[in-house]
Protein backbone atom coordinates (compact mmCIF):
# COMPACT_ATOMS: atom_id res chain seq x y z
CA UNK A 1 100.35 72.15 129.52
CA UNK A 2 96.81 72.55 129.72
CA UNK A 3 94.91 74.65 126.31
CA UNK A 4 95.05 77.45 128.08
CA UNK A 5 98.77 77.68 128.77
CA UNK A 6 99.86 76.23 125.34
CA UNK A 7 97.79 78.75 123.74
CA UNK A 8 98.81 81.64 126.37
CA UNK A 9 102.73 81.13 125.38
CA UNK A 10 101.57 80.72 121.55
CA UNK A 11 100.39 84.57 121.69
CA UNK A 12 103.15 85.26 123.73
CA UNK A 13 105.72 83.93 121.79
CA UNK A 14 104.23 85.50 118.09
CA UNK A 15 104.60 88.34 119.96
CA UNK A 16 108.01 88.28 121.26
CA UNK A 17 108.88 87.03 117.82
CA UNK A 18 107.28 89.50 115.58
CA UNK A 19 107.63 92.31 118.02
CA UNK A 20 104.01 93.53 118.35
CA UNK A 21 101.68 93.59 120.91
CA UNK A 22 98.18 93.34 121.93
CA UNK A 23 96.73 95.99 119.79
CA UNK A 24 98.84 94.57 116.96
CA UNK A 25 98.45 91.58 117.37
CA UNK A 26 94.18 91.61 117.89
CA UNK A 27 94.63 94.11 114.69
CA UNK A 28 95.70 92.46 112.26
CA UNK A 29 94.24 89.17 113.23
CA UNK A 30 90.62 90.68 112.83
CA UNK A 31 89.67 89.57 117.28
CA UNK A 32 89.67 92.56 120.08
CA UNK A 33 91.92 93.72 122.05
CA UNK A 34 90.47 92.45 124.85
CA UNK A 35 90.18 89.15 123.34
CA UNK A 36 93.60 88.92 122.67
CA UNK A 37 93.62 89.68 126.32
CA UNK A 38 91.60 87.43 127.44
CA UNK A 39 93.33 84.39 125.22
CA UNK A 40 97.08 85.40 126.84
CA UNK A 41 95.71 86.09 130.63
CA UNK A 42 92.92 83.12 130.40
CA UNK A 43 90.82 85.57 132.11
CA UNK A 44 87.29 87.03 129.79
CA UNK A 45 84.98 84.94 127.26
CA UNK A 46 86.42 83.59 123.53
CA UNK A 47 85.42 80.95 121.57
CA UNK A 48 86.53 77.83 119.94
CA UNK A 49 86.41 80.38 117.14
CA UNK A 50 87.97 83.08 117.59
CA UNK A 51 90.91 80.67 118.84
CA UNK A 52 91.27 79.54 116.06
CA UNK A 53 90.93 82.29 114.39
CA UNK A 54 94.65 83.19 115.70
CA UNK A 55 96.32 80.78 115.27
CA UNK A 56 94.79 80.76 111.62
CA UNK A 57 96.39 84.10 111.54
CA UNK A 58 99.60 83.06 113.21
CA UNK A 59 100.11 80.29 111.79
CA UNK A 60 99.84 82.12 108.63
CA UNK A 61 102.30 84.47 109.16
CA UNK A 62 105.08 82.86 111.30
């Protein structure tokens, strides 16, 4: 499994567990909806800093 697939799965698992959609996760993690969607699909541009910000949020709010 590559890093993109791991990130996508982590986002989806978090959303299912906490019953949140892309918009809710974006608002709570202080990232844009477009960034969250791009991370889930592997399309678009996002930085490693943004990935770390999302992982930090999901870990803290698990």
